[in-house]
Amino acid sequence: MQEASTTNLAMLASWLAGEFENQVQAREQPAWFVHLRWWNRPLPIAIDGYVALFAEQSPVANPERVYRQRVLVLQPGASKREDCAVQYYACKQPDRWRGGGRERALLAALSPDDLEFLPGCRLAVTYSAGTFQARLPEGTRCQFYVGGTLCEIALGFDVTASEYRSRDKGIDPETGKTIWGGLMGPYLLIRQQSFANELLL
């Protein structure tokens, strides 16, 4: 079981690590999907002994507007119902690391002290038919404060060897309504380049 978990983690990490773009989707459905570039960049350090990825994104039309900096830590599954797991961390000073997805050198000084653990923001990951599916466990709410304001995100993604589907949605904690994200389904991003050679495996 431990060997299988290690194999799954290595494959998940290698598939996640890269630069992705949804050019086709944005062209075909411009009213619903912004043309995005998305990075999952391996950190040069481990977090709690596990591989970690720095994620951020930007509109292709405005590449300097890079946002939603966060860190994904890939962990073994905690039960037989999950092959592995992804724990999210916030960056305490996100502006300090802005652009780190594109320029890995900007992440060289990042340490665990620069990150904030996000309770409830842990995805259970399962693997089947060439796809990893990552979902929040039923009844779990990923909530945290930003500048004194309570925020909630419905996290989730699917990843294969060639594409990344982001299911992240911003949720109004009071009404439960979606306020940002893919209102008409997940963002379908195609791999443009791989960063798997940067992984600490």
N, C-alpha and C. Protein backbone atom coordinates (compact mmCIF):
# COMPACT_ATOMS: atom_id res chain seq x y z
N MET A 1 0.83 -1.21 0.00
CA MET A 1 0.00 0.00 0.00
C MET A 1 0.86 1.26 0.00
N GLN A 2 1.96 1.23 0.82
CA GLN A 2 2.83 2.39 0.89
C GLN A 2 3.53 2.63 -0.45
N GLU A 3 3.95 1.53 -1.11
CA GLU A 3 4.61 1.65 -2.40
C GLU A 3 3.66 2.23 -3.44
N ALA A 4 2.40 1.76 -3.43
CA ALA A 4 1.40 2.27 -4.37
C ALA A 4 1.13 3.74 -4.14
N SER A 5 1.07 4.13 -2.86
CA SER A 5 0.83 5.54 -2.53
C SER A 5 1.97 6.41 -3.02
N THR A 6 3.21 5.94 -2.83
CA THR A 6 4.38 6.69 -3.28
C THR A 6 4.38 6.84 -4.80
N THR A 7 4.01 5.77 -5.50
CA THR A 7 3.94 5.82 -6.96
C THR A 7 2.89 6.82 -7.42
N ASN A 8 1.72 6.79 -6.78
CA ASN A 8 0.65 7.72 -7.13
C ASN A 8 1.06 9.16 -6.88
N LEU A 9 1.73 9.41 -5.76
CA LEU A 9 2.18 10.77 -5.45
C LEU A 9 3.17 11.28 -6.49
N ALA A 10 4.09 10.43 -6.89
CA ALA A 10 5.08 10.83 -7.89
C ALA A 10 4.41 11.14 -9.22
N MET A 11 3.44 10.32 -9.62
CA MET A 11 2.75 10.56 -10.89
C MET A 11 1.88 11.81 -10.80
N LEU A 12 1.17 11.98 -9.69
CA LEU A 12 0.36 13.18 -9.50
C LEU A 12 1.22 14.43 -9.58
N ALA A 13 2.36 14.41 -8.89
CA ALA A 13 3.26 15.57 -8.90
C ALA A 13 3.75 15.88 -10.30
N SER A 14 4.14 14.86 -11.05
CA SER A 14 4.68 15.10 -12.39
C SER A 14 3.62 15.61 -13.34
N TRP A 15 2.36 15.19 -13.16
CA TRP A 15 1.29 15.67 -14.03
C TRP A 15 0.86 17.09 -13.67
N LEU A 16 0.89 17.42 -12.38
CA LEU A 16 0.51 18.77 -11.95
C LEU A 16 1.56 19.80 -12.33
N ALA A 17 2.82 19.42 -12.25
CA ALA A 17 3.92 20.39 -12.42
C ALA A 17 4.00 20.85 -13.87
N GLY A 18 3.62 22.10 -14.11
CA GLY A 18 3.70 22.60 -15.47
C GLY A 18 3.00 23.93 -15.65
N GLU A 19 3.03 24.40 -16.89
CA GLU A 19 2.31 25.60 -17.30
C GLU A 19 1.16 25.16 -18.20
N PHE A 20 -0.03 25.71 -17.95
CA PHE A 20 -1.23 25.29 -18.65
C PHE A 20 -1.97 26.51 -19.21
N GLU A 21 -2.79 26.26 -20.23
CA GLU A 21 -3.53 27.35 -20.86
C GLU A 21 -4.83 26.81 -21.46
N ASN A 22 -5.90 27.63 -21.41
CA ASN A 22 -7.21 27.20 -21.94
C ASN A 22 -7.57 27.96 -23.21
N GLN A 23 -6.65 28.07 -24.13
CA GLN A 23 -6.85 28.86 -25.34
C GLN A 23 -8.08 28.41 -26.14
N VAL A 24 -8.22 27.12 -26.37
CA VAL A 24 -9.34 26.62 -27.18
C VAL A 24 -10.66 26.89 -26.49
N GLN A 25 -10.75 26.58 -25.21
CA GLN A 25 -11.99 26.81 -24.47
C GLN A 25 -12.38 28.28 -24.47
N ALA A 26 -11.42 29.16 -24.23
CA ALA A 26 -11.70 30.60 -24.19
C ALA A 26 -12.14 31.11 -25.55
N ARG A 27 -11.58 30.57 -26.62
CA ARG A 27 -11.97 30.99 -27.96
C ARG A 27 -13.38 30.52 -28.30
N GLU A 28 -13.73 29.30 -27.88
CA GLU A 28 -15.03 28.75 -28.21
C GLU A 28 -16.15 29.25 -27.30
N GLN A 29 -15.81 29.63 -26.06
CA GLN A 29 -16.82 30.10 -25.10
C GLN A 29 -16.33 31.37 -24.40
N PRO A 30 -16.08 32.44 -25.13
CA PRO A 30 -15.49 33.64 -24.53
C PRO A 30 -16.36 34.31 -23.48
N ALA A 31 -17.67 34.11 -23.55
CA ALA A 31 -18.56 34.73 -22.57
C ALA A 31 -18.45 34.08 -21.20
N TRP A 32 -17.94 32.84 -21.16
CA TRP A 32 -17.93 32.08 -19.91
C TRP A 32 -16.54 31.80 -19.37
N PHE A 33 -15.54 31.82 -20.23
CA PHE A 33 -14.20 31.44 -19.78
C PHE A 33 -13.16 32.45 -20.23
N VAL A 34 -12.51 33.07 -19.25
CA VAL A 34 -11.39 33.97 -19.52
C VAL A 34 -10.22 33.14 -20.03
N HIS A 35 -9.46 33.69 -20.97
CA HIS A 35 -8.27 33.02 -21.47
C HIS A 35 -7.17 33.13 -20.41
N LEU A 36 -6.85 32.02 -19.76
CA LEU A 36 -5.94 32.01 -18.62
C LEU A 36 -4.65 31.25 -18.93
N ARG A 37 -3.61 31.68 -18.24
CA ARG A 37 -2.37 30.90 -18.15
C ARG A 37 -2.21 30.52 -16.68
N TRP A 38 -1.89 29.27 -16.43
CA TRP A 38 -1.89 28.72 -15.08
C TRP A 38 -0.57 28.00 -14.83
N TRP A 39 0.03 28.27 -13.68
CA TRP A 39 1.30 27.62 -13.33
C TRP A 39 1.16 26.80 -12.06
N ASN A 40 1.70 25.61 -12.07
CA ASN A 40 1.94 24.81 -10.86
C ASN A 40 3.45 24.56 -10.83
N ARG A 41 4.15 25.37 -10.04
CA ARG A 41 5.63 25.34 -10.06
C ARG A 41 6.17 24.62 -8.83
N PRO A 42 6.99 23.61 -9.00
CA PRO A 42 7.57 22.92 -7.85
C PRO A 42 8.38 23.87 -6.97
N LEU A 43 8.16 23.77 -5.66
CA LEU A 43 8.98 24.55 -4.73
C LEU A 43 10.35 23.88 -4.59
N PRO A 44 11.38 24.68 -4.33
CA PRO A 44 12.72 24.11 -4.15
C PRO A 44 12.92 23.48 -2.78
N ILE A 45 11.87 23.48 -1.95
CA ILE A 45 11.93 22.86 -0.62
C ILE A 45 10.72 21.96 -0.45
N ALA A 46 10.84 21.01 0.49
CA ALA A 46 9.71 20.18 0.87
C ALA A 46 8.96 20.87 2.01
N ILE A 47 7.67 20.61 2.10
CA ILE A 47 6.85 21.12 3.21
C ILE A 47 6.39 19.91 4.03
N ASP A 48 6.81 19.87 5.29
CA ASP A 48 6.51 18.72 6.15
C ASP A 48 6.98 17.41 5.53
N GLY A 49 8.05 17.50 4.76
CA GLY A 49 8.62 16.30 4.14
C GLY A 49 7.98 15.90 2.83
N TYR A 50 7.06 16.71 2.33
CA TYR A 50 6.33 16.36 1.11
C TYR A 50 6.60 17.34 -0.03
N VAL A 51 6.42 16.85 -1.25
CA VAL A 51 6.53 17.70 -2.44
C VAL A 51 5.48 18.80 -2.38
N ALA A 52 5.87 20.01 -2.76
CA ALA A 52 4.95 21.15 -2.74
C ALA A 52 5.05 21.91 -4.05
N LEU A 53 3.92 22.46 -4.47
CA LEU A 53 3.82 23.22 -5.71
C LEU A 53 3.26 24.60 -5.42
N PHE A 54 3.85 25.61 -6.03
CA PHE A 54 3.36 26.98 -5.95
C PHE A 54 2.45 27.21 -7.15
N ALA A 55 1.21 27.61 -6.90
CA ALA A 55 0.24 27.81 -7.98
C ALA A 55 -0.17 29.27 -8.07
N GLU A 56 -0.32 29.75 -9.29
CA GLU A 56 -0.88 31.07 -9.54
C GLU A 56 -1.36 31.11 -10.99
N GLN A 57 -2.06 32.16 -11.34
CA GLN A 57 -2.63 32.26 -12.68
C GLN A 57 -2.69 33.72 -13.12
N SER A 58 -2.88 33.93 -14.42
CA SER A 58 -3.03 35.29 -14.94
C SER A 58 -3.82 35.24 -16.24
N PRO A 59 -4.56 36.32 -16.55
CA PRO A 59 -5.21 36.41 -17.86
C PRO A 59 -4.14 36.60 -18.93
N VAL A 60 -4.28 35.91 -20.05
CA VAL A 60 -3.30 36.04 -21.13
C VAL A 60 -3.29 37.47 -21.66
N ALA A 61 -4.45 38.13 -21.65
CA ALA A 61 -4.54 39.51 -22.15
C ALA A 61 -3.85 40.51 -21.23
N ASN A 62 -3.61 40.12 -19.97
CA ASN A 62 -2.98 41.01 -19.00
C ASN A 62 -2.00 40.20 -18.16
N PRO A 63 -0.89 39.76 -18.73
CA PRO A 63 0.00 38.82 -18.06
C PRO A 63 0.62 39.33 -16.77
N GLU A 64 0.64 40.64 -16.56
CA GLU A 64 1.21 41.17 -15.32
C GLU A 64 0.24 41.06 -14.15
N ARG A 65 -1.03 40.80 -14.42
CA ARG A 65 -2.02 40.66 -13.34
C ARG A 65 -2.05 39.20 -12.88
N VAL A 66 -1.04 38.84 -12.13
CA VAL A 66 -0.92 37.47 -11.63
C VAL A 66 -1.57 37.41 -10.25
N TYR A 67 -2.37 36.37 -10.00
CA TYR A 67 -3.15 36.36 -8.77
C TYR A 67 -3.41 34.93 -8.27
N ARG A 68 -4.09 34.85 -7.12
CA ARG A 68 -4.44 33.59 -6.44
C ARG A 68 -3.22 32.72 -6.16
N GLN A 69 -2.21 33.33 -5.55
CA GLN A 69 -1.02 32.58 -5.14
C GLN A 69 -1.40 31.63 -4.00
N ARG A 70 -1.00 30.38 -4.10
CA ARG A 70 -1.22 29.40 -3.04
C ARG A 70 -0.22 28.26 -3.22
N VAL A 71 -0.14 27.41 -2.21
CA VAL A 71 0.78 26.28 -2.26
C VAL A 71 0.01 24.99 -2.03
N LEU A 72 0.29 24.00 -2.86
CA LEU A 72 -0.32 22.68 -2.75
C LEU A 72 0.73 21.71 -2.24
N VAL A 73 0.43 21.02 -1.15
CA VAL A 73 1.34 20.02 -0.60
C VAL A 73 0.73 18.65 -0.86
N LEU A 74 1.47 17.79 -1.54
CA LEU A 74 0.98 16.47 -1.93
C LEU A 74 1.32 15.46 -0.84
N GLN A 75 0.30 14.76 -0.34
CA GLN A 75 0.46 13.88 0.80
C GLN A 75 -0.11 12.49 0.50
N PRO A 76 0.34 11.47 1.25
CA PRO A 76 -0.28 10.14 1.11
C PRO A 76 -1.74 10.19 1.55
N GLY A 77 -2.53 9.29 1.01
CA GLY A 77 -3.93 9.21 1.42
C GLY A 77 -4.05 8.78 2.87
N ALA A 78 -5.09 9.28 3.55
CA ALA A 78 -5.27 8.98 4.97
C ALA A 78 -6.20 7.78 5.18
N SER A 79 -6.80 7.28 4.11
CA SER A 79 -7.71 6.14 4.22
C SER A 79 -7.69 5.35 2.92
N LYS A 80 -8.36 4.19 2.92
CA LYS A 80 -8.42 3.36 1.72
C LYS A 80 -9.27 4.00 0.63
N ARG A 81 -10.04 5.02 0.98
CA ARG A 81 -10.92 5.66 0.00
C ARG A 81 -10.21 6.74 -0.81
N GLU A 82 -8.96 7.03 -0.49
CA GLU A 82 -8.22 8.04 -1.25
C GLU A 82 -6.82 7.53 -1.55
N ASP A 83 -6.38 7.76 -2.78
CA ASP A 83 -5.05 7.31 -3.18
C ASP A 83 -3.96 8.26 -2.67
N CYS A 84 -4.28 9.53 -2.58
CA CYS A 84 -3.39 10.54 -2.01
C CYS A 84 -4.23 11.76 -1.67
N ALA A 85 -3.59 12.83 -1.25
CA ALA A 85 -4.32 14.02 -0.81
C ALA A 85 -3.51 15.27 -1.16
N VAL A 86 -4.21 16.39 -1.21
CA VAL A 86 -3.57 17.68 -1.46
C VAL A 86 -4.02 18.66 -0.39
N GLN A 87 -3.07 19.16 0.40
CA GLN A 87 -3.36 20.16 1.42
C GLN A 87 -2.95 21.53 0.91
N TYR A 88 -3.87 22.50 1.04
CA TYR A 88 -3.60 23.85 0.56
C TYR A 88 -3.07 24.73 1.69
N TYR A 89 -2.15 25.60 1.32
CA TYR A 89 -1.60 26.62 2.20
C TYR A 89 -1.73 27.98 1.51
N ALA A 90 -1.96 29.02 2.30
CA ALA A 90 -1.96 30.38 1.78
C ALA A 90 -0.57 30.98 1.95
N CYS A 91 -0.23 31.91 1.10
CA CYS A 91 1.01 32.69 1.26
C CYS A 91 0.69 33.89 2.14
N LYS A 92 1.44 34.07 3.22
CA LYS A 92 1.17 35.18 4.13
C LYS A 92 1.37 36.53 3.45
N GLN A 93 2.31 36.60 2.54
CA GLN A 93 2.56 37.81 1.75
C GLN A 93 2.54 37.45 0.27
N PRO A 94 1.37 37.26 -0.30
CA PRO A 94 1.29 36.78 -1.69
C PRO A 94 2.01 37.66 -2.70
N ASP A 95 2.01 38.97 -2.47
CA ASP A 95 2.68 39.87 -3.42
C ASP A 95 4.19 39.61 -3.49
N ARG A 96 4.75 39.12 -2.41
CA ARG A 96 6.19 38.87 -2.37
C ARG A 96 6.60 37.78 -3.37
N TRP A 97 5.68 36.87 -3.64
CA TRP A 97 5.99 35.73 -4.51
C TRP A 97 5.33 35.83 -5.88
N ARG A 98 4.71 36.97 -6.14
CA ARG A 98 4.01 37.16 -7.41
C ARG A 98 4.97 36.95 -8.59
N GLY A 99 4.53 36.14 -9.54
CA GLY A 99 5.37 35.84 -10.70
C GLY A 99 6.24 34.62 -10.53
N GLY A 100 6.17 33.98 -9.35
CA GLY A 100 7.00 32.81 -9.10
C GLY A 100 6.66 31.62 -9.98
N GLY A 101 5.43 31.58 -10.49
CA GLY A 101 5.06 30.50 -11.40
C GLY A 101 5.86 30.56 -12.68
N ARG A 102 6.05 31.77 -13.18
CA ARG A 102 6.79 31.98 -14.43
C ARG A 102 8.30 31.95 -14.20
N GLU A 103 8.72 32.57 -13.08
CA GLU A 103 10.16 32.67 -12.78
C GLU A 103 10.46 31.95 -11.47
N ARG A 104 10.93 30.74 -11.56
CA ARG A 104 11.14 29.92 -10.37
C ARG A 104 12.13 30.53 -9.39
N ALA A 105 13.07 31.32 -9.90
CA ALA A 105 14.08 31.93 -9.03
C ALA A 105 13.44 32.81 -7.96
N LEU A 106 12.25 33.34 -8.23
CA LEU A 106 11.57 34.19 -7.25
C LEU A 106 11.13 33.40 -6.03
N LEU A 107 11.08 32.08 -6.14
CA LEU A 107 10.63 31.24 -5.02
C LEU A 107 11.79 30.71 -4.18
N ALA A 108 13.01 31.08 -4.52
CA ALA A 108 14.18 30.50 -3.86
C ALA A 108 14.20 30.77 -2.35
N ALA A 109 13.67 31.92 -1.93
CA ALA A 109 13.73 32.28 -0.52
C ALA A 109 12.50 31.85 0.27
N LEU A 110 11.52 31.25 -0.40
CA LEU A 110 10.28 30.87 0.30
C LEU A 110 10.56 29.75 1.29
N SER A 111 10.02 29.89 2.51
CA SER A 111 10.20 28.89 3.55
C SER A 111 8.84 28.54 4.16
N PRO A 112 8.76 27.46 4.94
CA PRO A 112 7.49 27.10 5.58
C PRO A 112 6.92 28.23 6.44
N ASP A 113 7.77 29.09 6.98
CA ASP A 113 7.29 30.20 7.80
C ASP A 113 6.51 31.23 6.99
N ASP A 114 6.65 31.19 5.68
CA ASP A 114 5.94 32.13 4.81
C ASP A 114 4.54 31.65 4.45
N LEU A 115 4.17 30.46 4.94
CA LEU A 115 2.91 29.85 4.56
C LEU A 115 1.96 29.74 5.75
N GLU A 116 0.68 29.76 5.44
CA GLU A 116 -0.37 29.62 6.45
C GLU A 116 -1.21 28.39 6.13
N PHE A 117 -1.25 27.46 7.05
CA PHE A 117 -2.06 26.25 6.89
C PHE A 117 -3.54 26.62 6.81
N LEU A 118 -4.26 26.01 5.88
CA LEU A 118 -5.68 26.32 5.70
C LEU A 118 -6.51 25.11 6.13
N PRO A 119 -7.07 25.15 7.34
CA PRO A 119 -7.91 24.03 7.81
C PRO A 119 -9.12 23.84 6.90
N GLY A 120 -9.47 22.60 6.65
CA GLY A 120 -10.63 22.33 5.81
C GLY A 120 -10.35 22.41 4.32
N CYS A 121 -9.13 22.80 3.95
CA CYS A 121 -8.78 22.96 2.53
C CYS A 121 -7.87 21.81 2.10
N ARG A 122 -8.37 20.62 2.27
CA ARG A 122 -7.62 19.40 1.93
C ARG A 122 -8.47 18.57 0.97
N LEU A 123 -7.89 18.23 -0.17
CA LEU A 123 -8.60 17.46 -1.17
C LEU A 123 -8.23 15.99 -1.09
N ALA A 124 -9.25 15.14 -1.15
CA ALA A 124 -9.03 13.70 -1.28
C ALA A 124 -8.85 13.39 -2.76
N VAL A 125 -7.81 12.64 -3.09
CA VAL A 125 -7.48 12.37 -4.49
C VAL A 125 -7.64 10.88 -4.79
N THR A 126 -8.33 10.59 -5.87
CA THR A 126 -8.47 9.21 -6.34
C THR A 126 -7.96 9.12 -7.78
N TYR A 127 -7.50 7.93 -8.15
CA TYR A 127 -6.97 7.72 -9.50
C TYR A 127 -7.75 6.63 -10.19
N SER A 128 -8.17 6.90 -11.43
CA SER A 128 -8.89 5.91 -12.22
C SER A 128 -8.81 6.27 -13.69
N ALA A 129 -8.56 5.27 -14.53
CA ALA A 129 -8.61 5.42 -15.98
C ALA A 129 -7.79 6.61 -16.50
N GLY A 130 -6.58 6.77 -15.95
CA GLY A 130 -5.69 7.81 -16.46
C GLY A 130 -5.97 9.21 -15.97
N THR A 131 -6.78 9.34 -14.92
CA THR A 131 -7.13 10.66 -14.40
C THR A 131 -7.08 10.67 -12.88
N PHE A 132 -6.45 11.70 -12.32
CA PHE A 132 -6.55 11.96 -10.88
C PHE A 132 -7.70 12.93 -10.66
N GLN A 133 -8.61 12.59 -9.75
CA GLN A 133 -9.71 13.47 -9.37
C GLN A 133 -9.51 13.91 -7.93
N ALA A 134 -9.51 15.22 -7.70
CA ALA A 134 -9.29 15.78 -6.37
C ALA A 134 -10.53 16.55 -5.95
N ARG A 135 -11.12 16.17 -4.82
CA ARG A 135 -12.36 16.78 -4.36
C ARG A 135 -12.31 17.02 -2.85
N LEU A 136 -13.04 18.04 -2.40
CA LEU A 136 -13.24 18.22 -0.97
C LEU A 136 -14.15 17.10 -0.47
N PRO A 137 -13.83 16.49 0.67
CA PRO A 137 -14.73 15.49 1.23
C PRO A 137 -16.10 16.09 1.51
N GLU A 138 -17.12 15.28 1.39
CA GLU A 138 -18.48 15.75 1.60
C GLU A 138 -18.63 16.39 2.98
N GLY A 139 -19.27 17.55 3.00
CA GLY A 139 -19.49 18.26 4.25
C GLY A 139 -18.35 19.16 4.69
N THR A 140 -17.26 19.17 3.92
CA THR A 140 -16.09 20.00 4.25
C THR A 140 -16.21 21.36 3.56
N ARG A 141 -15.87 22.42 4.29
CA ARG A 141 -15.89 23.77 3.72
C ARG A 141 -14.51 24.39 3.88
N CYS A 142 -13.93 24.80 2.76
CA CYS A 142 -12.63 25.47 2.77
C CYS A 142 -12.87 26.96 3.00
N GLN A 143 -12.69 27.42 4.22
CA GLN A 143 -12.94 28.81 4.58
C GLN A 143 -11.71 29.40 5.27
N PHE A 144 -11.47 30.68 5.02
CA PHE A 144 -10.35 31.38 5.63
C PHE A 144 -10.61 32.88 5.53
N TYR A 145 -9.84 33.65 6.28
CA TYR A 145 -10.02 35.10 6.30
C TYR A 145 -8.92 35.78 5.48
N VAL A 146 -9.33 36.76 4.70
CA VAL A 146 -8.41 37.62 3.96
C VAL A 146 -8.74 39.06 4.30
N GLY A 147 -7.82 39.74 5.00
CA GLY A 147 -8.07 41.12 5.39
C GLY A 147 -9.30 41.27 6.26
N GLY A 148 -9.58 40.28 7.09
CA GLY A 148 -10.74 40.34 7.98
C GLY A 148 -12.04 39.88 7.35
N THR A 149 -12.02 39.53 6.09
CA THR A 149 -13.22 39.08 5.39
C THR A 149 -13.20 37.56 5.23
N LEU A 150 -14.31 36.92 5.61
CA LEU A 150 -14.41 35.47 5.47
C LEU A 150 -14.57 35.09 4.00
N CYS A 151 -13.71 34.20 3.53
CA CYS A 151 -13.77 33.72 2.14
C CYS A 151 -14.00 32.21 2.15
N GLU A 152 -14.61 31.74 1.10
CA GLU A 152 -14.83 30.30 0.95
C GLU A 152 -14.56 29.90 -0.50
N ILE A 153 -13.89 28.77 -0.67
CA ILE A 153 -13.60 28.25 -2.01
C ILE A 153 -14.02 26.79 -2.08
N ALA A 154 -14.77 26.47 -3.11
CA ALA A 154 -15.07 25.07 -3.42
C ALA A 154 -13.93 24.56 -4.30
N LEU A 155 -12.97 23.91 -3.68
CA LEU A 155 -11.77 23.45 -4.38
C LEU A 155 -12.02 22.15 -5.13
N GLY A 156 -11.25 21.95 -6.18
CA GLY A 156 -11.31 20.67 -6.89
C GLY A 156 -10.59 20.75 -8.22
N PHE A 157 -10.05 19.63 -8.65
CA PHE A 157 -9.43 19.57 -9.97
C PHE A 157 -9.37 18.14 -10.46
N ASP A 158 -9.20 17.99 -11.78
CA ASP A 158 -8.87 16.73 -12.42
C ASP A 158 -7.58 16.97 -13.20
N VAL A 159 -6.70 16.00 -13.23
CA VAL A 159 -5.47 16.17 -14.01
C VAL A 159 -5.09 14.85 -14.69
N THR A 160 -4.65 14.97 -15.94
CA THR A 160 -4.13 13.84 -16.70
C THR A 160 -2.71 14.20 -17.13
N ALA A 161 -2.13 13.35 -17.94
CA ALA A 161 -0.77 13.62 -18.41
C ALA A 161 -0.69 14.84 -19.31
N SER A 162 -1.83 15.30 -19.83
CA SER A 162 -1.79 16.41 -20.80
C SER A 162 -2.69 17.58 -20.47
N GLU A 163 -3.63 17.44 -19.53
CA GLU A 163 -4.54 18.54 -19.26
C GLU A 163 -4.88 18.66 -17.78
N TYR A 164 -5.31 19.85 -17.42
CA TYR A 164 -5.66 20.19 -16.04
C TYR A 164 -7.03 20.85 -16.06
N ARG A 165 -7.97 20.31 -15.31
CA ARG A 165 -9.31 20.89 -15.21
C ARG A 165 -9.49 21.49 -13.82
N SER A 166 -9.56 22.80 -13.76
CA SER A 166 -9.76 23.47 -12.48
C SER A 166 -11.25 23.60 -12.19
N ARG A 167 -11.65 23.10 -11.02
CA ARG A 167 -13.03 23.20 -10.58
C ARG A 167 -13.19 24.20 -9.44
N ASP A 168 -12.14 25.00 -9.19
CA ASP A 168 -12.18 25.99 -8.10
C ASP A 168 -13.29 27.01 -8.35
N LYS A 169 -14.04 27.31 -7.29
CA LYS A 169 -15.07 28.34 -7.37
C LYS A 169 -15.07 29.14 -6.07
N GLY A 170 -15.18 30.45 -6.19
CA GLY A 170 -15.37 31.29 -5.02
C GLY A 170 -16.83 31.25 -4.61
N ILE A 171 -17.07 31.06 -3.32
CA ILE A 171 -18.43 30.92 -2.80
C ILE A 171 -18.73 32.03 -1.80
N ASP A 172 -19.92 32.61 -1.89
CA ASP A 172 -20.38 33.55 -0.87
C ASP A 172 -20.75 32.73 0.36
N PRO A 173 -20.03 32.88 1.50
CA PRO A 173 -20.29 32.04 2.67
C PRO A 173 -21.71 32.18 3.21
N GLU A 174 -22.35 33.32 2.98
CA GLU A 174 -23.69 33.54 3.52
C GLU A 174 -24.78 32.96 2.63
N THR A 175 -24.64 33.12 1.32
CA THR A 175 -25.69 32.67 0.40
C THR A 175 -25.39 31.33 -0.25
N GLY A 176 -24.11 30.94 -0.28
CA GLY A 176 -23.74 29.71 -0.95
C GLY A 176 -23.65 29.83 -2.45
N LYS A 177 -23.81 31.06 -2.98
CA LYS A 177 -23.78 31.27 -4.43
C LYS A 177 -22.34 31.41 -4.93
N THR A 178 -22.11 30.94 -6.15
CA THR A 178 -20.80 31.08 -6.78
C THR A 178 -20.57 32.53 -7.19
N ILE A 179 -19.42 33.10 -6.82
CA ILE A 179 -19.13 34.49 -7.15
C ILE A 179 -17.96 34.61 -8.13
N TRP A 180 -17.17 33.56 -8.31
CA TRP A 180 -16.16 33.52 -9.36
C TRP A 180 -15.82 32.06 -9.66
N GLY A 181 -15.20 31.85 -10.80
CA GLY A 181 -14.84 30.49 -11.21
C GLY A 181 -15.67 30.06 -12.40
N GLY A 182 -15.56 28.80 -12.76
CA GLY A 182 -16.26 28.28 -13.93
C GLY A 182 -17.74 28.06 -13.66
N LEU A 183 -18.56 29.02 -14.02
CA LEU A 183 -20.00 28.90 -13.80
C LEU A 183 -20.62 27.85 -14.71
N MET A 184 -19.98 27.58 -15.85
CA MET A 184 -20.52 26.63 -16.83
C MET A 184 -19.66 25.37 -16.92
N GLY A 185 -18.98 25.06 -15.84
CA GLY A 185 -18.13 23.88 -15.83
C GLY A 185 -16.69 24.24 -15.54
N PRO A 186 -15.81 23.24 -15.48
CA PRO A 186 -14.42 23.50 -15.12
C PRO A 186 -13.65 24.22 -16.22
N TYR A 187 -12.60 24.91 -15.81
CA TYR A 187 -11.64 25.47 -16.77
C TYR A 187 -10.80 24.31 -17.31
N LEU A 188 -10.75 24.17 -18.62
CA LEU A 188 -9.99 23.10 -19.26
C LEU A 188 -8.69 23.66 -19.80
N LEU A 189 -7.60 23.37 -19.12
CA LEU A 189 -6.29 23.93 -19.45
C LEU A 189 -5.38 22.83 -19.99
N ILE A 190 -4.75 23.11 -21.12
CA ILE A 190 -3.87 22.15 -21.77
C ILE A 190 -2.41 22.46 -21.41
N ARG A 191 -1.66 21.40 -21.13
CA ARG A 191 -0.26 21.59 -20.76
C ARG A 191 0.53 22.23 -21.90
N GLN A 192 1.27 23.29 -21.58
CA GLN A 192 2.15 23.96 -22.53
C GLN A 192 3.61 23.55 -22.33
N GLN A 193 3.97 23.34 -21.06
CA GLN A 193 5.31 22.83 -20.75
C GLN A 193 5.27 22.15 -19.40
N SER A 194 6.21 21.24 -19.19
CA SER A 194 6.29 20.48 -17.95
C SER A 194 7.42 21.01 -17.08
N PHE A 195 7.17 21.02 -15.76
CA PHE A 195 8.22 21.37 -14.79
C PHE A 195 8.60 20.14 -13.96
N ALA A 196 8.28 18.94 -14.46
CA ALA A 196 8.51 17.73 -13.68
C ALA A 196 9.98 17.53 -13.31
N ASN A 197 10.88 18.06 -14.14
CA ASN A 197 12.31 17.90 -13.85
C ASN A 197 12.76 18.72 -12.65
N GLU A 198 11.88 19.62 -12.15
CA GLU A 198 12.21 20.44 -10.99
C GLU A 198 11.73 19.82 -9.68
N LEU A 199 10.99 18.72 -9.76
CA LEU A 199 10.38 18.12 -8.57
C LEU A 199 11.42 17.48 -7.66
N LEU A 200 11.17 17.57 -6.35
CA LEU A 200 12.04 16.94 -5.36
C LEU A 200 11.51 15.54 -5.08
N LEU A 201 11.74 14.62 -5.99
CA LEU A 201 11.25 13.25 -5.84
C LEU A 201 12.40 12.30 -5.55
